[in-house]
Amino acid sequence: MEMDELKNAWIALDNRLKRNEELKESIILEMMRSKAGKLVNRFIAWEIFQVVALILLIPVCIYWLDKFGGRYLAGDMTMYFGIAVCFFYSFWSVFKINGLMKIDLSKNVGNNILYMNRYNIQIKREKKIFWYCGWPAISILLVLSYASMKATLTLWFFLICAIIAGTLGSYWIYKRLYDKNIEVILKSLDEIKELKE
């Protein structure tokens, strides 16, 4: 009699431990999904903010061309370049948003990893284009604009501070916002994949 009771107690304990283990796994899985989901939503919000800011920047460039166009060739070139960059980068951001919107953490983890890796590659390409072409071109055009306008020493100081702030700010954004968070999302997706297997 005692042996049967001991066996039943052992089976009940084993079942309880299995349920606890399943519960722990589901809680961990939900935490990983929530963490990755928040970061993906942060990326989507950031990309939408960029699109809106760039679209709002186009009328500013057009206003400058209307008000001061024809006086400073370098200034006109800077504004035309700015309009082109705003259009191009707006479409690029919409393309990235489209890829991010495909991420659904309640579905296939393999597809989510694929979409996140695509986004990571897009960011790496964007970073190279920005650092090797975009930022130097913008800086050179701004310096030429200031030179053609015969800017005062105060305005030159402002330009130098703006270029330094822009360089540090964009480095920080790419390092902290993109690189760090993409790494966290990919790590979370890998852990979700491991838990599901």
Protein backbone atom coordinates (compact mmCIF):
# COMPACT_ATOMS: atom_id res chain seq x y z
CA MET A 1 0.00 0.00 0.00
CA GLU A 2 2.74 2.44 0.89
CA MET A 3 4.56 1.59 -2.32
CA ASP A 4 1.50 2.49 -4.45
CA GLU A 5 1.02 5.77 -2.58
CA LEU A 6 4.69 6.59 -3.02
CA LYS A 7 4.46 5.81 -6.74
CA ASN A 8 1.36 8.01 -7.15
CA ALA A 9 2.99 10.86 -5.21
CA TRP A 10 6.09 10.52 -7.40
CA ILE A 11 4.03 10.62 -10.60
CA ALA A 12 2.06 13.65 -9.34
CA LEU A 13 5.29 15.42 -8.43
CA ASP A 14 6.77 14.59 -11.84
CA ASN A 15 3.66 15.96 -13.60
CA ARG A 16 3.77 19.12 -11.50
CA LEU A 17 7.46 19.63 -12.35
CA LYS A 18 6.73 19.18 -16.06
CA ARG A 19 3.90 21.73 -15.89
CA ASN A 20 6.18 24.18 -14.03
CA GLU A 21 8.88 23.69 -16.65
CA GLU A 22 6.39 24.30 -19.48
CA LEU A 23 5.08 27.38 -17.68
CA LYS A 24 8.61 28.74 -17.22
CA GLU A 25 9.38 28.16 -20.91
CA SER A 26 6.17 29.90 -22.01
CA ILE A 27 6.91 32.87 -19.70
CA ILE A 28 10.47 33.15 -21.04
CA LEU A 29 9.17 32.83 -24.62
CA GLU A 30 6.63 35.60 -24.04
CA MET A 31 9.30 37.85 -22.46
CA MET A 32 11.58 37.35 -25.49
CA ARG A 33 8.75 38.07 -27.90
CA SER A 34 7.76 41.17 -25.97
CA LYS A 35 11.34 42.47 -25.86
CA ALA A 36 11.91 41.87 -29.59
CA GLY A 37 8.48 43.30 -30.44
CA LYS A 38 9.15 46.54 -28.56
CA LEU A 39 12.46 47.02 -30.36
CA VAL A 40 10.93 46.30 -33.77
CA ASN A 41 8.17 48.83 -33.01
CA ARG A 42 10.84 51.34 -31.97
CA PHE A 43 12.56 50.86 -35.35
CA ILE A 44 9.27 51.32 -37.19
CA ALA A 45 8.51 54.51 -35.23
CA TRP A 46 12.01 55.85 -35.91
CA GLU A 47 11.73 55.15 -39.64
CA ILE A 48 8.31 56.82 -39.80
CA PHE A 49 9.72 59.85 -37.95
CA GLN A 50 12.54 60.05 -40.51
CA VAL A 51 10.10 59.94 -43.44
CA VAL A 52 7.96 62.70 -41.94
CA ALA A 53 11.00 64.86 -41.09
CA LEU A 54 12.46 64.47 -44.58
CA ILE A 55 9.16 65.26 -46.27
CA LEU A 56 8.85 68.39 -44.10
CA LEU A 57 12.42 69.38 -45.00
CA ILE A 58 11.65 69.50 -48.74
CA PRO A 59 9.47 72.67 -48.52
CA VAL A 60 12.24 74.36 -46.49
CA CYS A 61 14.72 73.69 -49.30
CA ILE A 62 12.21 74.88 -51.90
CA TYR A 63 11.56 78.06 -49.88
CA TRP A 64 15.31 78.73 -49.70
CA LEU A 65 15.59 78.29 -53.48
CA ASP A 66 12.63 80.62 -54.01
CA LYS A 67 13.97 83.27 -51.63
CA PHE A 68 17.72 83.09 -52.32
CA GLY A 69 17.96 81.05 -55.53
CA GLY A 70 20.36 82.35 -58.16
CA ARG A 71 22.51 84.36 -55.74
CA TYR A 72 24.83 81.59 -54.55
CA LEU A 73 25.59 78.68 -56.85
CA ALA A 74 26.94 76.49 -54.05
CA GLY A 75 23.86 77.25 -51.93
CA ASP A 76 21.57 76.30 -54.80
CA MET A 77 23.53 73.09 -55.32
CA THR A 78 23.23 72.29 -51.62
CA MET A 79 19.46 72.76 -51.68
CA TYR A 80 19.01 70.66 -54.85
CA PHE A 81 21.19 67.98 -53.31
CA GLY A 82 19.14 68.21 -50.09
CA ILE A 83 15.87 67.78 -52.00
CA ALA A 84 17.27 64.76 -53.86
CA VAL A 85 18.52 63.20 -50.63
CA CYS A 86 15.15 63.80 -48.92
CA PHE A 87 13.26 62.11 -51.77
CA PHE A 88 15.68 59.19 -52.03
CA TYR A 89 15.94 58.58 -48.30
CA SER A 90 12.15 58.86 -47.84
CA PHE A 91 11.62 56.05 -50.34
CA TRP A 92 14.47 54.07 -48.77
CA SER A 93 12.89 54.44 -45.31
CA VAL A 94 9.49 53.34 -46.64
CA PHE A 95 11.21 50.28 -48.14
CA LYS A 96 12.77 49.51 -44.74
CA ILE A 97 9.42 50.02 -42.97
CA ASN A 98 7.82 47.55 -45.39
CA GLY A 99 10.41 44.93 -44.41
CA LEU A 100 9.95 45.59 -40.69
CA MET A 101 6.17 45.30 -40.98
CA LYS A 102 6.58 41.70 -42.18
CA ILE A 103 8.02 40.70 -38.81
CA ASP A 104 5.32 38.86 -36.86
CA LEU A 105 6.64 37.37 -33.64
CA SER A 106 3.66 35.06 -33.22
CA LYS A 107 4.51 33.24 -36.46
CA ASN A 108 7.50 31.45 -37.99
CA VAL A 109 10.72 32.43 -36.20
CA GLY A 110 12.86 31.55 -39.24
CA ASN A 111 11.05 34.13 -41.38
CA ASN A 112 11.43 36.76 -38.65
CA ILE A 113 15.18 36.08 -38.47
CA LEU A 114 15.35 36.41 -42.27
CA TYR A 115 13.52 39.76 -42.25
CA MET A 116 15.66 41.07 -39.40
CA ASN A 117 18.86 40.02 -41.17
CA ARG A 118 17.65 41.81 -44.32
CA TYR A 119 17.04 44.95 -42.27
CA ASN A 120 20.50 44.60 -40.74
CA ILE A 121 22.06 44.39 -44.23
CA GLN A 122 20.05 47.45 -45.33
CA ILE A 123 21.32 49.42 -42.33
CA LYS A 124 24.93 48.38 -43.01
CA ARG A 125 24.63 49.51 -46.65
CA GLU A 126 22.98 52.74 -45.57
CA LYS A 127 25.76 53.35 -43.06
CA LYS A 128 28.48 52.88 -45.70
CA ILE A 129 26.73 55.17 -48.18
CA PHE A 130 26.14 57.79 -45.49
CA TRP A 131 29.69 57.78 -44.09
CA TYR A 132 31.58 57.49 -47.38
CA CYS A 133 29.38 59.56 -49.72
CA GLY A 134 26.49 61.39 -48.07
CA TRP A 135 28.03 63.09 -45.05
CA PRO A 136 31.23 64.21 -46.83
CA ALA A 137 29.17 65.56 -49.77
CA ILE A 138 26.84 67.47 -47.44
CA SER A 139 29.80 68.89 -45.49
CA ILE A 140 31.63 69.99 -48.65
CA LEU A 141 28.51 71.60 -50.11
CA LEU A 142 27.86 73.47 -46.86
CA VAL A 143 31.46 74.73 -46.73
CA LEU A 144 31.24 75.86 -50.37
CA SER A 145 27.92 77.59 -49.64
CA TYR A 146 29.43 79.47 -46.72
CA ALA A 147 32.46 80.42 -48.79
CA SER A 148 30.32 81.74 -51.65
CA MET A 149 28.20 83.77 -49.20
CA LYS A 150 31.32 85.20 -47.56
CA ALA A 151 30.02 84.13 -44.17
CA THR A 152 31.17 85.79 -40.97
CA LEU A 153 33.45 84.10 -38.46
CA THR A 154 30.48 83.43 -36.19
CA LEU A 155 28.64 81.57 -38.97
CA TRP A 156 31.80 79.52 -39.74
CA PHE A 157 32.03 78.58 -36.09
CA PHE A 158 28.36 77.58 -36.14
CA LEU A 159 28.92 75.45 -39.26
CA ILE A 160 31.92 73.67 -37.74
CA CYS A 161 29.96 72.96 -34.55
CA ALA A 162 26.99 71.71 -36.62
CA ILE A 163 29.19 69.37 -38.67
CA ILE A 164 30.84 67.99 -35.52
CA ALA A 165 27.45 67.59 -33.78
CA GLY A 166 25.99 65.93 -36.89
CA THR A 167 28.93 63.53 -37.10
CA LEU A 168 28.76 62.56 -33.43
CA GLY A 169 24.96 62.36 -33.45
CA SER A 170 24.77 60.12 -36.49
CA TYR A 171 27.58 57.91 -35.14
CA TRP A 172 25.66 57.57 -31.88
CA ILE A 173 22.39 56.78 -33.69
CA TYR A 174 23.96 54.09 -35.86
CA LYS A 175 25.90 52.57 -32.95
CA ARG A 176 23.33 52.77 -30.15
CA LEU A 177 19.99 52.69 -31.94
CA TYR A 178 20.67 50.40 -34.86
CA ASP A 179 23.64 48.13 -34.13
CA LYS A 180 22.86 47.46 -30.47
CA ASN A 181 19.12 46.91 -30.90
CA ILE A 182 19.45 44.76 -34.02
CA GLU A 183 21.87 42.56 -32.10
CA VAL A 184 19.41 42.27 -29.19
CA ILE A 185 16.51 41.40 -31.53
CA LEU A 186 18.52 38.74 -33.37
CA LYS A 187 19.67 37.25 -30.06
CA SER A 188 16.07 37.16 -28.79
CA LEU A 189 14.88 35.51 -32.01
CA ASP A 190 17.65 32.89 -31.74
CA GLU A 191 16.61 32.15 -28.15
CA ILE A 192 12.97 31.86 -29.19
CA LYS A 193 14.01 29.44 -31.92
CA GLU A 194 15.98 27.35 -29.41
CA LEU A 195 13.05 27.26 -26.96
CA LYS A 196 10.64 26.13 -29.66
CA GLU A 197 12.90 23.25 -30.73
